[in-house]
Amino acid sequence: MNEFMVSWHCGPLQRGYSVCGLYHHRNQHHRPLVAVEKTKKNKKKELKNKNENEYDAERNRVLVTSYLGFTVTPFFLSSNLVVVIGLMKADRVMYFPMLGLCMLQGYCVSQFWSSSSPNEKEEEESTTIANTNNNNNNHHAMTTTTNNSNDGKTTTTTTLLLLRSLVYGLVMIQMLWYTSKTHERNVAWSHSLNLWLSAYAINQRSHHTRYNCGYELSIKKRYAEAEYVMRPIGHPRVDGPSNTFVYAMVLYNLHQCDVANVLIDEAFAVLDEQREDMNNNPRNQKHMLDRAQSNLQVAQAHCLPPGTDIRERGKILYDAVQTDPTNEYAIQQAQSLLQQIQNMTPEQQRLLDQQQQQQQQQYRLQ
């Protein structure tokens, strides 16, 4: 029979490794069975890994700083801290900050994804563990793989997979939610009424939102809703006479001119105060005050007491045009009334005079 013997031998290998293994001897031919032990670290590889880690750390710092810059810096343009631009904050103010937040979130998810990925090289190197008990004769070899270690690795891998699935699911839910919100904003911007109704539903404390929402509702002849929306800002001393004009026209269409006339008189008093304060307050500019007064005169012409001569209404509208010749609404109302008077026949004028006299008598009795 051929001679058969198993022995343990160690020998040097290139790149800082030495190899130890089981050999069997048959007819003096040596064949290695296993090579499993790593005895020295590769300094060149360590240096390369160190440089890569430093590069990754610097790159991560630059990325995080850039994303935070996108998130924070655009707010300075609308904060009135650098340049006073007014009080309006539109959706477009949020575009760049949201870009920074989205990139920052994508970066965090990417970092989690890469850190939770198992290292294939480490797994490959740790699949076989050699525990050696070298003595002077270099005999006795043992190659072991522990079941406890494998069980721990399996549990860790399962946990990482569950975490990755959870993060992936949350990102997908967020994307679906953002998609629905984008569709919601597209519907809101499809019409000015939808836009201001959605804004009013979100922020009812804004006077600007209430004004625009009430104005759009009045254009659609939804006067009851417009009155409810504009009621808190209808008084001229709350947010100025301009709001009072729109609110007074809403009250006129609801046949509440008695309430509208009180507000209109108060608005004229506020305008007189603002004209006296023009030199001290730059917001009280003449052309803006003229436009507000012209609009209030139009509202006053509509809310005259019953039975008032139609020519009196025409005189007030004429004064409104003279106050602000650029007021297209006042010009339109004056031309409409003038055309109505010119198209009246003598019989219609006589009936109108009789009707006005009857209305005046009823108004006096009331």
Foldseek 3Di string as FASTA:
>chain_A
DWDWDKWWDWDDDPQQAIFIAIWIATVNDTDGDDTADGDDDRPVVVVVVVVVVVVVVVVVVVLLVVLVCQQPVLVVVVPCPPPNDDDDDDPVSCPSNVVSVVSVVVVVLVVLVVVLDDDPVVCVSLQWDWDDDQDPVRGDGDTDDDPVVVVVVVVSNVVSVVVNVVVVVVVVVVVVVVVVVVVQVVVCVVDVLSVLVVVCVVDLPDLVSLQSNLLVCVVVVVLVVSLVSLVVPLACVRPHLQSVLSNLVSCLSVVNLVVSVVRLVNRVVVLVVLVVCCVPDVVSDQLVSLLSNLSSLLSCLSSDQALDDLVVSLVSLVVSCVSPVPNPVSVVVNVVSVVVVVPDDPVRVVVSNVRSVVSVVVVVVD
